Amino acid sequence: MLLIFYIVNVIASSVNGLDQDCYIDVGQIRSIDNSRVFDLVGVLEEEYWESIRVALNVVLDF
């Protein structure tokens, strides 16, 4: 079984604004200018943040 520690699966909900399940590929993280963000779609639930922190540590080699 292949484990990929920089992918975080996100289940669609009315809170996060997603219409289908998706994933966050933390390995593709990059900065953007705030002027490129047009509108808030939703808010990522608290349950995903620890997985995102772990994935960032893997990608950034902490």
C-alpha atoms as a PDB file:
ATOM      1  CA  MET A   1       0.000   0.000   0.000  1.00  0.00           C
ATOM      2  CA  LEU A   2       1.353   3.413  -1.008  1.00  0.00           C
ATOM      3  CA  LEU A   3       0.932   6.201   1.532  1.00  0.00           C
ATOM      4  CA  ILE A   4       1.202   9.764   0.340  1.00  0.00           C
ATOM      5  CA  PHE A   5       1.595  12.043   3.341  1.00  0.00           C
ATOM      6  CA  TYR A   6       1.153  15.339   1.513  1.00  0.00           C
ATOM      7  CA  ILE A   7      -2.369  14.651   0.221  1.00  0.00           C
ATOM      8  CA  VAL A   8      -5.328  15.539   2.476  1.00  0.00           C
ATOM      9  CA  ASN A   9      -8.759  14.209   1.483  1.00  0.00           C
ATOM     10  CA  VAL A  10     -11.631  16.651   2.041  1.00  0.00           C
ATOM     11  CA  ILE A  11     -15.264  15.548   2.119  1.00  0.00           C
ATOM     12  CA  ALA A  12     -17.779  17.978   0.604  1.00  0.00           C
ATOM     13  CA  SER A  13     -20.149  19.713   3.027  1.00  0.00           C
ATOM     14  CA  SER A  14     -22.286  22.808   3.270  1.00  0.00           C
ATOM     15  CA  VAL A  15     -19.685  24.342   5.612  1.00  0.00           C
ATOM     16  CA  ASN A  16     -16.687  24.065   3.268  1.00  0.00           C
ATOM     17  CA  GLY A  17     -18.725  24.947   0.170  1.00  0.00           C
ATOM     18  CA  LEU A  18     -17.536  21.997  -1.923  1.00  0.00           C
ATOM     19  CA  ASP A  19     -20.042  20.215  -4.162  1.00  0.00           C
ATOM     20  CA  GLN A  20     -17.945  17.030  -4.363  1.00  0.00           C
ATOM     21  CA  ASP A  21     -15.194  15.331  -2.363  1.00  0.00           C
ATOM     22  CA  CYS A  22     -11.687  16.450  -3.308  1.00  0.00           C
ATOM     23  CA  TYR A  23      -8.160  16.572  -1.981  1.00  0.00           C
ATOM     24  CA  ILE A  24      -5.556  19.127  -1.016  1.00  0.00           C
ATOM     25  CA  ASP A  25      -2.162  18.437  -2.575  1.00  0.00           C
ATOM     26  CA  VAL A  26       0.119  20.223  -0.110  1.00  0.00           C
ATOM     27  CA  GLY A  27       3.068  19.404  -2.394  1.00  0.00           C
ATOM     28  CA  GLN A  28       1.644  21.959  -4.844  1.00  0.00           C
ATOM     29  CA  ILE A  29       1.513  24.821  -2.318  1.00  0.00           C
ATOM     30  CA  ARG A  30       2.470  28.275  -3.595  1.00  0.00           C
ATOM     31  CA  SER A  31       1.772  31.847  -2.695  1.00  0.00           C
ATOM     32  CA  ILE A  32      -0.739  34.064  -4.489  1.00  0.00           C
ATOM     33  CA  ASP A  33      -1.601  37.729  -4.341  1.00  0.00           C
ATOM     34  CA  ASN A  34      -4.763  38.494  -2.323  1.00  0.00           C
ATOM     35  CA  SER A  35      -6.092  40.526  -5.265  1.00  0.00           C
ATOM     36  CA  ARG A  36      -6.504  37.240  -7.188  1.00  0.00           C
ATOM     37  CA  VAL A  37      -9.013  35.945  -4.602  1.00  0.00           C
ATOM     38  CA  PHE A  38     -12.479  37.046  -5.692  1.00  0.00           C
ATOM     39  CA  ASP A  39     -14.902  35.535  -3.186  1.00  0.00           C
ATOM     40  CA  LEU A  40     -15.058  33.260  -0.167  1.00  0.00           C
ATOM     41  CA  VAL A  41     -16.451  29.862  -1.132  1.00  0.00           C
ATOM     42  CA  GLY A  42     -16.491  28.248   2.295  1.00  0.00           C
ATOM     43  CA  VAL A  43     -14.447  27.447   5.394  1.00  0.00           C
ATOM     44  CA  LEU A  44     -12.376  24.329   5.866  1.00  0.00           C
ATOM     45  CA  GLU A  45     -13.492  22.429   8.952  1.00  0.00           C
ATOM     46  CA  GLU A  46     -11.192  22.127  11.972  1.00  0.00           C
ATOM     47  CA  GLU A  47     -10.858  18.342  11.523  1.00  0.00           C
ATOM     48  CA  TYR A  48      -8.571  18.810   8.487  1.00  0.00           C
ATOM     49  CA  TRP A  49      -6.048  21.245   9.946  1.00  0.00           C
ATOM     50  CA  GLU A  50      -3.871  18.723  11.808  1.00  0.00           C
ATOM     51  CA  SER A  51      -3.530  16.610   8.641  1.00  0.00           C
ATOM     52  CA  ILE A  52      -2.567  19.753   6.725  1.00  0.00           C
ATOM     53  CA  ARG A  53       0.070  20.635   9.353  1.00  0.00           C
ATOM     54  CA  VAL A  54       1.560  17.124   9.132  1.00  0.00           C
ATOM     55  CA  ALA A  55       1.593  17.284   5.324  1.00  0.00           C
ATOM     56  CA  LEU A  56       3.304  20.690   5.397  1.00  0.00           C
ATOM     57  CA  ASN A  57       5.977  19.279   7.715  1.00  0.00           C
ATOM     58  CA  VAL A  58       6.599  16.457   5.232  1.00  0.00           C
ATOM     59  CA  VAL A  59       6.771  18.791   2.223  1.00  0.00           C
ATOM     60  CA  LEU A  60       8.896  21.427   3.967  1.00  0.00           C
ATOM     61  CA  ASP A  61      11.106  18.757   5.580  1.00  0.00           C
ATOM     62  CA  PHE A  62      10.559  19.838   9.202  1.00  0.00           C
END
